[in-house]
C-alpha atoms as a PDB file:
ATOM      1  CA  UNK A   1      68.239 -30.758 -81.840  1.00  0.00           C
ATOM      2  CA  UNK A   2      66.808 -33.925 -80.286  1.00  0.00           C
ATOM      3  CA  UNK A   3      66.198 -33.598 -76.455  1.00  0.00           C
ATOM      4  CA  UNK A   4      67.057 -37.102 -74.828  1.00  0.00           C
ATOM      5  CA  UNK A   5      65.210 -37.817 -72.184  1.00  0.00           C
ATOM      6  CA  UNK A   6      65.355 -40.461 -69.111  1.00  0.00           C
ATOM      7  CA  UNK A   7      61.901 -41.345 -67.287  1.00  0.00           C
ATOM      8  CA  UNK A   8      62.139 -42.797 -63.713  1.00  0.00           C
ATOM      9  CA  UNK A   9      59.513 -43.675 -61.459  1.00  0.00           C
ATOM     10  CA  UNK A  10      58.202 -47.028 -59.740  1.00  0.00           C
ATOM     11  CA  UNK A  11      54.977 -47.345 -61.634  1.00  0.00           C
ATOM     12  CA  UNK A  12      55.071 -48.694 -64.971  1.00  0.00           C
ATOM     13  CA  UNK A  13      51.527 -47.258 -65.968  1.00  0.00           C
ATOM     14  CA  UNK A  14      52.990 -43.579 -65.107  1.00  0.00           C
ATOM     15  CA  UNK A  15      56.207 -44.288 -67.125  1.00  0.00           C
ATOM     16  CA  UNK A  16      54.120 -45.653 -70.210  1.00  0.00           C
ATOM     17  CA  UNK A  17      51.904 -42.502 -70.048  1.00  0.00           C
ATOM     18  CA  UNK A  18      54.952 -39.973 -69.563  1.00  0.00           C
ATOM     19  CA  UNK A  19      56.601 -41.784 -72.720  1.00  0.00           C
ATOM     20  CA  UNK A  20      53.717 -41.734 -74.813  1.00  0.00           C
ATOM     21  CA  UNK A  21      53.079 -38.133 -74.054  1.00  0.00           C
ATOM     22  CA  UNK A  22      56.861 -36.887 -74.648  1.00  0.00           C
ATOM     23  CA  UNK A  23      57.324 -38.854 -77.797  1.00  0.00           C
ATOM     24  CA  UNK A  24      54.561 -37.343 -79.773  1.00  0.00           C
ATOM     25  CA  UNK A  25      56.390 -33.819 -78.814  1.00  0.00           C
ATOM     26  CA  UNK A  26      58.651 -32.864 -81.688  1.00  0.00           C
ATOM     27  CA  UNK A  27      62.309 -32.828 -80.862  1.00  0.00           C
ATOM     28  CA  UNK A  28      61.758 -35.028 -77.426  1.00  0.00           C
ATOM     29  CA  UNK A  29      63.072 -38.985 -77.671  1.00  0.00           C
ATOM     30  CA  UNK A  30      62.748 -41.147 -74.253  1.00  0.00           C
ATOM     31  CA  UNK A  31      65.992 -43.132 -74.541  1.00  0.00           C
ATOM     32  CA  UNK A  32      65.275 -44.931 -71.089  1.00  0.00           C
ATOM     33  CA  UNK A  33      63.220 -45.811 -68.271  1.00  0.00           C
ATOM     34  CA  UNK A  34      64.038 -46.672 -64.466  1.00  0.00           C
ATOM     35  CA  UNK A  35      61.931 -48.360 -61.896  1.00  0.00           C
ATOM     36  CA  UNK A  36      63.738 -47.173 -59.070  1.00  0.00           C
ATOM     37  CA  UNK A  37      66.415 -44.581 -57.646  1.00  0.00           C
ATOM     38  CA  UNK A  38      69.161 -46.969 -57.820  1.00  0.00           C
ATOM     39  CA  UNK A  39      68.396 -48.146 -61.575  1.00  0.00           C
ATOM     40  CA  UNK A  40      68.158 -44.202 -62.480  1.00  0.00           C
ATOM     41  CA  UNK A  41      71.389 -43.588 -61.099  1.00  0.00           C
ATOM     42  CA  UNK A  42      73.000 -46.018 -63.319  1.00  0.00           C
ATOM     43  CA  UNK A  43      71.213 -45.438 -66.326  1.00  0.00           C
ATOM     44  CA  UNK A  44      72.008 -41.764 -66.121  1.00  0.00           C
ATOM     45  CA  UNK A  45      75.825 -42.549 -65.661  1.00  0.00           C
ATOM     46  CA  UNK A  46      75.443 -44.634 -68.790  1.00  0.00           C
ATOM     47  CA  UNK A  47      73.492 -42.767 -71.105  1.00  0.00           C
ATOM     48  CA  UNK A  48      73.811 -39.479 -69.853  1.00  0.00           C
ATOM     49  CA  UNK A  49      70.691 -37.984 -71.091  1.00  0.00           C
ATOM     50  CA  UNK A  50      69.798 -34.320 -71.712  1.00  0.00           C
ATOM     51  CA  UNK A  51      67.023 -34.074 -69.298  1.00  0.00           C
ATOM     52  CA  UNK A  52      65.873 -36.706 -66.592  1.00  0.00           C
ATOM     53  CA  UNK A  53      62.101 -36.725 -65.256  1.00  0.00           C
ATOM     54  CA  UNK A  54      62.392 -38.224 -61.555  1.00  0.00           C
ATOM     55  CA  UNK A  55      59.863 -39.138 -59.257  1.00  0.00           C
ATOM     56  CA  UNK A  56      60.507 -37.813 -55.603  1.00  0.00           C
ATOM     57  CA  UNK A  57      59.430 -41.476 -53.802  1.00  0.00           C
ATOM     58  CA  UNK A  58      61.042 -44.227 -55.581  1.00  0.00           C
ATOM     59  CA  UNK A  59      62.393 -47.410 -53.805  1.00  0.00           C
ATOM     60  CA  UNK A  60      66.260 -47.593 -53.404  1.00  0.00           C
ATOM     61  CA  UNK A  61      67.130 -44.279 -53.638  1.00  0.00           C
ATOM     62  CA  UNK A  62      64.682 -41.008 -53.432  1.00  0.00           C
ATOM     63  CA  UNK A  63      64.541 -38.608 -56.187  1.00  0.00           C
ATOM     64  CA  UNK A  64      65.994 -36.016 -54.354  1.00  0.00           C
ATOM     65  CA  UNK A  65      69.339 -37.903 -53.441  1.00  0.00           C
ATOM     66  CA  UNK A  66      69.319 -38.849 -57.091  1.00  0.00           C
ATOM     67  CA  UNK A  67      69.500 -35.366 -58.146  1.00  0.00           C
ATOM     68  CA  UNK A  68      72.157 -34.493 -56.020  1.00  0.00           C
ATOM     69  CA  UNK A  69      74.536 -37.231 -57.301  1.00  0.00           C
ATOM     70  CA  UNK A  70      73.815 -36.350 -60.883  1.00  0.00           C
ATOM     71  CA  UNK A  71      73.669 -32.889 -61.522  1.00  0.00           C
ATOM     72  CA  UNK A  72      76.871 -32.643 -63.546  1.00  0.00           C
ATOM     73  CA  UNK A  73      75.414 -35.498 -65.842  1.00  0.00           C
ATOM     74  CA  UNK A  74      71.833 -34.367 -66.781  1.00  0.00           C
ATOM     75  CA  UNK A  75      69.540 -31.659 -66.083  1.00  0.00           C
ATOM     76  CA  UNK A  76      66.817 -32.841 -63.546  1.00  0.00           C
ATOM     77  CA  UNK A  77      62.939 -32.149 -63.548  1.00  0.00           C
ATOM     78  CA  UNK A  78      61.052 -33.516 -60.470  1.00  0.00           C
ATOM     79  CA  UNK A  79      57.799 -34.561 -61.067  1.00  0.00           C
ATOM     80  CA  UNK A  80      55.805 -34.931 -57.847  1.00  0.00           C
ATOM     81  CA  UNK A  81      52.459 -35.733 -56.538  1.00  0.00           C
ATOM     82  CA  UNK A  82      53.431 -33.970 -53.218  1.00  0.00           C
ATOM     83  CA  UNK A  83      52.086 -30.119 -53.368  1.00  0.00           C
ATOM     84  CA  UNK A  84      54.985 -29.092 -50.537  1.00  0.00           C
ATOM     85  CA  UNK A  85      57.020 -25.945 -50.999  1.00  0.00           C
ATOM     86  CA  UNK A  86      59.778 -27.608 -48.973  1.00  0.00           C
ATOM     87  CA  UNK A  87      60.198 -30.019 -51.411  1.00  0.00           C
ATOM     88  CA  UNK A  88      60.307 -27.556 -54.058  1.00  0.00           C
ATOM     89  CA  UNK A  89      63.325 -26.179 -52.063  1.00  0.00           C
ATOM     90  CA  UNK A  90      65.141 -28.958 -51.511  1.00  0.00           C
ATOM     91  CA  UNK A  91      64.787 -30.043 -55.104  1.00  0.00           C
ATOM     92  CA  UNK A  92      66.438 -26.865 -56.175  1.00  0.00           C
ATOM     93  CA  UNK A  93      69.219 -26.874 -53.885  1.00  0.00           C
ATOM     94  CA  UNK A  94      70.171 -30.650 -55.108  1.00  0.00           C
ATOM     95  CA  UNK A  95      70.310 -29.343 -58.446  1.00  0.00           C
ATOM     96  CA  UNK A  96      67.060 -29.533 -60.038  1.00  0.00           C
ATOM     97  CA  UNK A  97      65.829 -27.332 -62.775  1.00  0.00           C
ATOM     98  CA  UNK A  98      62.269 -27.839 -62.607  1.00  0.00           C
ATOM     99  CA  UNK A  99      59.155 -29.045 -60.223  1.00  0.00           C
ATOM    100  CA  UNK A 100      56.080 -30.358 -61.584  1.00  0.00           C
ATOM    101  CA  UNK A 101      52.933 -31.713 -60.020  1.00  0.00           C
ATOM    102  CA  UNK A 102      51.751 -34.699 -61.410  1.00  0.00           C
ATOM    103  CA  UNK A 103      48.300 -33.593 -61.566  1.00  0.00           C
ATOM    104  CA  UNK A 104      49.505 -30.733 -63.771  1.00  0.00           C
ATOM    105  CA  UNK A 105      48.857 -30.252 -67.139  1.00  0.00           C
ATOM    106  CA  UNK A 106      50.890 -31.972 -69.977  1.00  0.00           C
ATOM    107  CA  UNK A 107      52.045 -28.625 -71.415  1.00  0.00           C
ATOM    108  CA  UNK A 108      53.838 -27.842 -67.978  1.00  0.00           C
ATOM    109  CA  UNK A 109      55.975 -30.823 -68.010  1.00  0.00           C
ATOM    110  CA  UNK A 110      56.912 -29.849 -71.518  1.00  0.00           C
ATOM    111  CA  UNK A 111      57.691 -26.532 -70.321  1.00  0.00           C
ATOM    112  CA  UNK A 112      59.624 -27.628 -67.675  1.00  0.00           C
ATOM    113  CA  UNK A 113      61.645 -29.632 -69.914  1.00  0.00           C
ATOM    114  CA  UNK A 114      62.487 -27.106 -72.347  1.00  0.00           C
ATOM    115  CA  UNK A 115      63.385 -24.580 -69.517  1.00  0.00           C
ATOM    116  CA  UNK A 116      65.875 -27.260 -68.417  1.00  0.00           C
ATOM    117  CA  UNK A 117      67.635 -27.652 -71.507  1.00  0.00           C
ATOM    118  CA  UNK A 118      67.921 -23.845 -71.354  1.00  0.00           C
ATOM    119  CA  UNK A 119      69.500 -24.158 -67.820  1.00  0.00           C
ATOM    120  CA  UNK A 120      66.221 -22.397 -66.762  1.00  0.00           C
ATOM    121  CA  UNK A 121      64.049 -22.966 -63.808  1.00  0.00           C
ATOM    122  CA  UNK A 122      60.296 -24.069 -64.238  1.00  0.00           C
ATOM    123  CA  UNK A 123      58.248 -24.573 -61.367  1.00  0.00           C
ATOM    124  CA  UNK A 124      54.207 -25.591 -61.181  1.00  0.00           C
ATOM    125  CA  UNK A 125      51.678 -22.943 -60.979  1.00  0.00           C
ATOM    126  CA  UNK A 126      51.136 -23.352 -57.335  1.00  0.00           C
ATOM    127  CA  UNK A 127      54.873 -22.607 -56.610  1.00  0.00           C
ATOM    128  CA  UNK A 128      55.667 -20.110 -59.176  1.00  0.00           C
ATOM    129  CA  UNK A 129      54.200 -17.306 -56.888  1.00  0.00           C
ATOM    130  CA  UNK A 130      57.416 -17.289 -55.057  1.00  0.00           C
ATOM    131  CA  UNK A 131      60.699 -16.209 -56.415  1.00  0.00           C
ATOM    132  CA  UNK A 132      63.012 -18.547 -57.241  1.00  0.00           C
ATOM    133  CA  UNK A 133      65.880 -17.243 -55.221  1.00  0.00           C
ATOM    134  CA  UNK A 134      63.585 -18.146 -52.416  1.00  0.00           C
ATOM    135  CA  UNK A 135      63.797 -21.766 -53.013  1.00  0.00           C
ATOM    136  CA  UNK A 136      67.221 -21.909 -54.023  1.00  0.00           C
ATOM    137  CA  UNK A 137      68.181 -20.145 -50.815  1.00  0.00           C
ATOM    138  CA  UNK A 138      66.470 -22.668 -48.674  1.00  0.00           C
ATOM    139  CA  UNK A 139      64.590 -20.336 -46.607  1.00  0.00           C
ATOM    140  CA  UNK A 140      61.278 -23.005 -47.097  1.00  0.00           C
ATOM    141  CA  UNK A 141      63.359 -26.071 -46.793  1.00  0.00           C
ATOM    142  CA  UNK A 142      62.882 -27.843 -43.207  1.00  0.00           C
ATOM    143  CA  UNK A 143      65.487 -27.907 -40.692  1.00  0.00           C
ATOM    144  CA  UNK A 144      68.491 -30.079 -41.252  1.00  0.00           C
ATOM    145  CA  UNK A 145      68.918 -33.120 -39.683  1.00  0.00           C
ATOM    146  CA  UNK A 146      71.016 -36.255 -39.252  1.00  0.00           C
ATOM    147  CA  UNK A 147      70.109 -37.443 -43.018  1.00  0.00           C
ATOM    148  CA  UNK A 148      71.798 -34.344 -44.320  1.00  0.00           C
ATOM    149  CA  UNK A 149      75.164 -36.020 -42.745  1.00  0.00           C
ATOM    150  CA  UNK A 150      75.064 -39.139 -44.417  1.00  0.00           C
ATOM    151  CA  UNK A 151      76.938 -40.039 -47.461  1.00  0.00           C
ATOM    152  CA  UNK A 152      75.617 -41.231 -50.617  1.00  0.00           C
ATOM    153  CA  UNK A 153      76.134 -44.971 -50.103  1.00  0.00           C
ATOM    154  CA  UNK A 154      74.957 -44.400 -46.567  1.00  0.00           C
ATOM    155  CA  UNK A 155      71.950 -42.792 -47.880  1.00  0.00           C
ATOM    156  CA  UNK A 156      71.552 -45.770 -50.260  1.00  0.00           C
ATOM    157  CA  UNK A 157      71.873 -48.205 -47.344  1.00  0.00           C
ATOM    158  CA  UNK A 158      69.623 -46.280 -45.057  1.00  0.00           C
ATOM    159  CA  UNK A 159      66.760 -46.384 -47.582  1.00  0.00           C
ATOM    160  CA  UNK A 160      66.876 -50.140 -48.310  1.00  0.00           C
ATOM    161  CA  UNK A 161      66.988 -50.767 -44.508  1.00  0.00           C
ATOM    162  CA  UNK A 162      63.642 -48.776 -44.143  1.00  0.00           C
ATOM    163  CA  UNK A 163      62.282 -51.032 -46.962  1.00  0.00           C
ATOM    164  CA  UNK A 164      62.634 -53.876 -44.692  1.00  0.00           C
ATOM    165  CA  UNK A 165      65.990 -55.760 -46.997  1.00  0.00           C
ATOM    166  CA  UNK A 166      68.082 -57.902 -45.312  1.00  0.00           C
ATOM    167  CA  UNK A 167      71.805 -57.288 -44.963  1.00  0.00           C
ATOM    168  CA  UNK A 168      72.421 -60.011 -47.668  1.00  0.00           C
ATOM    169  CA  UNK A 169      69.753 -58.501 -50.093  1.00  0.00           C
ATOM    170  CA  UNK A 170      71.470 -54.910 -49.582  1.00  0.00           C
ATOM    171  CA  UNK A 171      74.658 -56.325 -49.892  1.00  0.00           C
ATOM    172  CA  UNK A 172      73.611 -57.788 -53.501  1.00  0.00           C
ATOM    173  CA  UNK A 173      71.669 -54.682 -54.363  1.00  0.00           C
ATOM    174  CA  UNK A 174      74.672 -52.433 -54.081  1.00  0.00           C
ATOM    175  CA  UNK A 175      77.162 -54.688 -55.117  1.00  0.00           C
ATOM    176  CA  UNK A 176      79.095 -54.786 -52.062  1.00  0.00           C
ATOM    177  CA  UNK A 177      79.894 -57.253 -48.989  1.00  0.00           C
ATOM    178  CA  UNK A 178      77.585 -57.899 -46.039  1.00  0.00           C
ATOM    179  CA  UNK A 179      80.311 -56.943 -43.757  1.00  0.00           C
ATOM    180  CA  UNK A 180      80.419 -53.563 -45.594  1.00  0.00           C
ATOM    181  CA  UNK A 181      76.672 -53.140 -45.134  1.00  0.00           C
ATOM    182  CA  UNK A 182      76.896 -53.671 -41.611  1.00  0.00           C
ATOM    183  CA  UNK A 183      79.665 -51.059 -41.182  1.00  0.00           C
ATOM    184  CA  UNK A 184      77.529 -48.584 -43.193  1.00  0.00           C
ATOM    185  CA  UNK A 185      74.577 -49.579 -40.755  1.00  0.00           C
ATOM    186  CA  UNK A 186      76.806 -48.857 -37.629  1.00  0.00           C
ATOM    187  CA  UNK A 187      77.840 -45.307 -39.083  1.00  0.00           C
ATOM    188  CA  UNK A 188      74.207 -44.501 -39.818  1.00  0.00           C
ATOM    189  CA  UNK A 189      73.069 -45.223 -36.283  1.00  0.00           C
ATOM    190  CA  UNK A 190      75.896 -43.264 -34.866  1.00  0.00           C
ATOM    191  CA  UNK A 191      74.774 -40.336 -36.920  1.00  0.00           C
ATOM    192  CA  UNK A 192      71.600 -40.490 -35.704  1.00  0.00           C
ATOM    193  CA  UNK A 193      72.268 -41.164 -31.968  1.00  0.00           C
ATOM    194  CA  UNK A 194      69.927 -44.092 -32.182  1.00  0.00           C
ATOM    195  CA  UNK A 195      70.718 -47.728 -30.931  1.00  0.00           C
ATOM    196  CA  UNK A 196      68.090 -50.004 -32.548  1.00  0.00           C
ATOM    197  CA  UNK A 197      67.107 -50.488 -36.174  1.00  0.00           C
ATOM    198  CA  UNK A 198      63.442 -49.826 -35.127  1.00  0.00           C
ATOM    199  CA  UNK A 199      64.601 -46.173 -33.860  1.00  0.00           C
ATOM    200  CA  UNK A 200      66.515 -45.587 -37.190  1.00  0.00           C
ATOM    201  CA  UNK A 201      63.839 -46.234 -39.284  1.00  0.00           C
ATOM    202  CA  UNK A 202      61.315 -44.227 -37.290  1.00  0.00           C
ATOM    203  CA  UNK A 203      64.034 -41.467 -37.563  1.00  0.00           C
ATOM    204  CA  UNK A 204      64.449 -41.914 -41.078  1.00  0.00           C
ATOM    205  CA  UNK A 205      60.759 -42.005 -42.099  1.00  0.00           C
ATOM    206  CA  UNK A 206      60.150 -38.642 -40.590  1.00  0.00           C
ATOM    207  CA  UNK A 207      62.319 -36.991 -43.307  1.00  0.00           C
ATOM    208  CA  UNK A 208      59.457 -37.641 -45.603  1.00  0.00           C
ATOM    209  CA  UNK A 209      62.098 -38.678 -48.276  1.00  0.00           C
ATOM    210  CA  UNK A 210      62.477 -42.252 -47.596  1.00  0.00           C
ATOM    211  CA  UNK A 211      60.183 -44.714 -49.829  1.00  0.00           C
ATOM    212  CA  UNK A 212      58.773 -47.556 -47.623  1.00  0.00           C
END
């Protein structure tokens, strides 16, 4: 059986390297590539790949939020440069089956994809010294913050705000009206308890999952 794989990373060179690596492996087929989180979400919904390899930091929508929204459509393997156990914990809580560091061996990524196909977890060696249950239960995750109360659409709007997009640009990107964008912005600021966009951006960046 051929494993259909989608790649999502905002660096073209990384995607090309991953495609070259994975397509040389028997039984793997890369069926699509996404350059940001919003495009990844759309392609997953359209193509329904068996496994999606996601970077954490992507424009438009971070990889962990994409994972949360698509866990019933594909099995996710997070590929990240961040050697941080709290990210591993959050990734597994958001539905990911694997967490592999970008400086890991190619064999680790292949093993992670194969494990995901079996509905099994795989973690890079720096993280595998802890039981999977430790990560899934969230004992290593950071404390909850207002970001965790946002809806999926509000998280998309927030990331685009942090990336300094104008209201009209956000509206076009998400195919909604400028008025709806402003309503989402107001709801987000209320949940964060801030009164200016500058305060909102600072608070969002502290979450550590917003690309800017």
